[in-house]
């Protein structure tokens, strides 16, 4: 499961680095300035590539950090899912995709990562 989550983060990261406007368009957001695209590249792109790389390092057993990395990434995913729940409490998304689709992806990935620690 670590590989699957790592690939997800890498994919999101590379997409964010090279096509920031397209990445956020599915959320009806517009990256219409260099500053906005830079922010997407940083938060979705750079962060995604870093987390994917960290997961692969953990999988390889680098420095005995596997459990710590897995728990950290799982909690981060749950934090993102929690943010979507807060968004739901404040306002309602128009459709299942993308908000609820990603909510369930985040919850499932976090659960699978944590289950793999046993």
C-alpha atoms as a PDB file:
ATOM      1  CA  UNK A   1       0.000   0.000   0.000  1.00  0.00           C
ATOM      2  CA  UNK A   2       2.921   2.333   0.609  1.00  0.00           C
ATOM      3  CA  UNK A   3       3.810   2.110  -3.079  1.00  0.00           C
ATOM      4  CA  UNK A   4       0.240   2.922  -4.152  1.00  0.00           C
ATOM      5  CA  UNK A   5       0.084   5.996  -1.906  1.00  0.00           C
ATOM      6  CA  UNK A   6       3.576   7.063  -2.983  1.00  0.00           C
ATOM      7  CA  UNK A   7       2.576   6.827  -6.656  1.00  0.00           C
ATOM      8  CA  UNK A   8      -0.580   8.851  -5.913  1.00  0.00           C
ATOM      9  CA  UNK A   9       1.474  11.612  -4.271  1.00  0.00           C
ATOM     10  CA  UNK A  10       4.119  11.531  -7.026  1.00  0.00           C
ATOM     11  CA  UNK A  11       1.440  11.725  -9.700  1.00  0.00           C
ATOM     12  CA  UNK A  12      -0.278  14.642  -8.003  1.00  0.00           C
ATOM     13  CA  UNK A  13       3.091  16.294  -7.460  1.00  0.00           C
ATOM     14  CA  UNK A  14       4.308  16.018 -11.027  1.00  0.00           C
ATOM     15  CA  UNK A  15       0.921  17.153 -12.324  1.00  0.00           C
ATOM     16  CA  UNK A  16       1.020  20.108  -9.924  1.00  0.00           C
ATOM     17  CA  UNK A  17       4.535  21.082 -10.967  1.00  0.00           C
ATOM     18  CA  UNK A  18       3.914  20.975 -14.700  1.00  0.00           C
ATOM     19  CA  UNK A  19       0.196  21.765 -15.059  1.00  0.00           C
ATOM     20  CA  UNK A  20      -0.849  23.728 -11.975  1.00  0.00           C
ATOM     21  CA  UNK A  21      -3.844  25.433 -13.572  1.00  0.00           C
ATOM     22  CA  UNK A  22      -5.203  22.127 -14.884  1.00  0.00           C
ATOM     23  CA  UNK A  23      -4.768  20.455 -11.499  1.00  0.00           C
ATOM     24  CA  UNK A  24      -6.982  22.891  -9.612  1.00  0.00           C
ATOM     25  CA  UNK A  25      -9.493  23.414 -12.429  1.00  0.00           C
ATOM     26  CA  UNK A  26     -11.439  20.334 -11.288  1.00  0.00           C
ATOM     27  CA  UNK A  27     -12.165  22.254  -8.077  1.00  0.00           C
ATOM     28  CA  UNK A  28     -13.447  25.226 -10.079  1.00  0.00           C
ATOM     29  CA  UNK A  29     -10.390  27.227  -9.084  1.00  0.00           C
ATOM     30  CA  UNK A  30      -8.456  29.428 -11.471  1.00  0.00           C
ATOM     31  CA  UNK A  31      -4.702  29.932 -11.341  1.00  0.00           C
ATOM     32  CA  UNK A  32      -4.649  33.144 -13.351  1.00  0.00           C
ATOM     33  CA  UNK A  33      -1.360  34.609 -12.144  1.00  0.00           C
ATOM     34  CA  UNK A  34       2.250  33.531 -11.762  1.00  0.00           C
ATOM     35  CA  UNK A  35       1.826  33.773  -7.982  1.00  0.00           C
ATOM     36  CA  UNK A  36      -1.205  31.473  -7.977  1.00  0.00           C
ATOM     37  CA  UNK A  37       0.509  28.907 -10.193  1.00  0.00           C
ATOM     38  CA  UNK A  38       3.606  29.087  -8.001  1.00  0.00           C
ATOM     39  CA  UNK A  39       1.471  28.357  -4.929  1.00  0.00           C
ATOM     40  CA  UNK A  40      -0.100  25.323  -6.603  1.00  0.00           C
ATOM     41  CA  UNK A  41       3.346  24.125  -7.675  1.00  0.00           C
ATOM     42  CA  UNK A  42       4.575  24.452  -4.084  1.00  0.00           C
ATOM     43  CA  UNK A  43       1.629  22.968  -2.193  1.00  0.00           C
ATOM     44  CA  UNK A  44       0.446  20.298  -4.641  1.00  0.00           C
ATOM     45  CA  UNK A  45       3.604  19.839  -6.676  1.00  0.00           C
ATOM     46  CA  UNK A  46       6.579  20.075  -4.391  1.00  0.00           C
ATOM     47  CA  UNK A  47       4.773  18.641  -1.393  1.00  0.00           C
ATOM     48  CA  UNK A  48       3.404  15.718  -3.399  1.00  0.00           C
ATOM     49  CA  UNK A  49       6.795  14.804  -4.842  1.00  0.00           C
ATOM     50  CA  UNK A  50       8.425  15.119  -1.399  1.00  0.00           C
ATOM     51  CA  UNK A  51       5.831  12.919   0.321  1.00  0.00           C
ATOM     52  CA  UNK A  52       6.013  10.330  -2.455  1.00  0.00           C
ATOM     53  CA  UNK A  53       9.797  10.245  -2.164  1.00  0.00           C
ATOM     54  CA  UNK A  54       9.651  10.026   1.611  1.00  0.00           C
ATOM     55  CA  UNK A  55       7.254   7.082   1.418  1.00  0.00           C
ATOM     56  CA  UNK A  56       9.586   5.258  -0.963  1.00  0.00           C
ATOM     57  CA  UNK A  57      12.536   5.941   1.353  1.00  0.00           C
ATOM     58  CA  UNK A  58      10.502   4.572   4.258  1.00  0.00           C
ATOM     59  CA  UNK A  59       9.578   1.500   2.223  1.00  0.00           C
ATOM     60  CA  UNK A  60      13.257   0.900   1.534  1.00  0.00           C
ATOM     61  CA  UNK A  61      13.871   1.028   5.284  1.00  0.00           C
ATOM     62  CA  UNK A  62      16.037   4.135   5.189  1.00  0.00           C
ATOM     63  CA  UNK A  63      17.136   4.947   8.729  1.00  0.00           C
ATOM     64  CA  UNK A  64      14.439   2.842  10.377  1.00  0.00           C
ATOM     65  CA  UNK A  65      11.888   5.585   9.748  1.00  0.00           C
ATOM     66  CA  UNK A  66       9.164   3.497   8.137  1.00  0.00           C
ATOM     67  CA  UNK A  67       6.596   3.620  10.955  1.00  0.00           C
ATOM     68  CA  UNK A  68       7.111   7.323  11.600  1.00  0.00           C
ATOM     69  CA  UNK A  69       6.738   8.266   7.949  1.00  0.00           C
ATOM     70  CA  UNK A  70       3.702   6.052   7.448  1.00  0.00           C
ATOM     71  CA  UNK A  71       1.949   7.457  10.529  1.00  0.00           C
ATOM     72  CA  UNK A  72       2.817  11.026   9.524  1.00  0.00           C
ATOM     73  CA  UNK A  73       1.479  10.617   5.989  1.00  0.00           C
ATOM     74  CA  UNK A  74      -1.641   8.824   7.247  1.00  0.00           C
ATOM     75  CA  UNK A  75      -2.363  11.598   9.742  1.00  0.00           C
ATOM     76  CA  UNK A  76      -1.790  14.188   7.004  1.00  0.00           C
ATOM     77  CA  UNK A  77      -4.312  12.410   4.785  1.00  0.00           C
ATOM     78  CA  UNK A  78      -6.798  12.318   7.653  1.00  0.00           C
ATOM     79  CA  UNK A  79      -6.176  16.027   8.180  1.00  0.00           C
ATOM     80  CA  UNK A  80      -7.078  16.688   4.559  1.00  0.00           C
ATOM     81  CA  UNK A  81     -10.226  14.575   4.936  1.00  0.00           C
ATOM     82  CA  UNK A  82     -11.104  16.490   8.109  1.00  0.00           C
ATOM     83  CA  UNK A  83     -10.751  19.755   6.184  1.00  0.00           C
ATOM     84  CA  UNK A  84     -13.281  18.449   3.678  1.00  0.00           C
ATOM     85  CA  UNK A  85     -15.669  17.628   6.546  1.00  0.00           C
ATOM     86  CA  UNK A  86     -15.308  21.167   7.868  1.00  0.00           C
ATOM     87  CA  UNK A  87     -16.006  22.435   4.351  1.00  0.00           C
ATOM     88  CA  UNK A  88     -19.129  20.273   4.276  1.00  0.00           C
ATOM     89  CA  UNK A  89     -20.305  21.755   7.578  1.00  0.00           C
ATOM     90  CA  UNK A  90     -19.875  25.284   6.212  1.00  0.00           C
ATOM     91  CA  UNK A  91     -21.099  24.778   2.646  1.00  0.00           C
ATOM     92  CA  UNK A  92     -22.204  21.948   0.400  1.00  0.00           C
ATOM     93  CA  UNK A  93     -20.183  20.792  -2.588  1.00  0.00           C
ATOM     94  CA  UNK A  94     -22.264  20.608  -5.764  1.00  0.00           C
ATOM     95  CA  UNK A  95     -21.426  16.973  -6.590  1.00  0.00           C
ATOM     96  CA  UNK A  96     -19.657  13.842  -5.342  1.00  0.00           C
ATOM     97  CA  UNK A  97     -16.621  14.564  -7.524  1.00  0.00           C
ATOM     98  CA  UNK A  98     -14.129  15.938  -6.716  1.00  0.00           C
ATOM     99  CA  UNK A  99     -14.596  16.778  -3.017  1.00  0.00           C
ATOM    100  CA  UNK A 100     -16.190  13.577  -1.708  1.00  0.00           C
ATOM    101  CA  UNK A 101     -14.279  11.376  -4.089  1.00  0.00           C
ATOM    102  CA  UNK A 102     -10.995  12.688  -2.672  1.00  0.00           C
ATOM    103  CA  UNK A 103     -12.376  12.523   0.875  1.00  0.00           C
ATOM    104  CA  UNK A 104     -12.865   8.775   0.490  1.00  0.00           C
ATOM    105  CA  UNK A 105      -9.504   8.321  -1.250  1.00  0.00           C
ATOM    106  CA  UNK A 106      -7.804  10.115   1.656  1.00  0.00           C
ATOM    107  CA  UNK A 107      -9.634   8.100   4.322  1.00  0.00           C
ATOM    108  CA  UNK A 108      -9.014   4.795   2.529  1.00  0.00           C
ATOM    109  CA  UNK A 109      -5.323   5.524   1.929  1.00  0.00           C
ATOM    110  CA  UNK A 110      -4.796   6.571   5.550  1.00  0.00           C
ATOM    111  CA  UNK A 111      -6.560   3.458   6.798  1.00  0.00           C
ATOM    112  CA  UNK A 112      -4.571   1.186   4.499  1.00  0.00           C
ATOM    113  CA  UNK A 113      -1.271   2.775   5.533  1.00  0.00           C
ATOM    114  CA  UNK A 114      -2.078   2.401   9.222  1.00  0.00           C
ATOM    115  CA  UNK A 115      -3.346  -1.155   8.774  1.00  0.00           C
ATOM    116  CA  UNK A 116      -0.055  -2.041   7.107  1.00  0.00           C
ATOM    117  CA  UNK A 117       1.862  -1.176  10.264  1.00  0.00           C
ATOM    118  CA  UNK A 118       0.442  -4.166  12.139  1.00  0.00           C
END
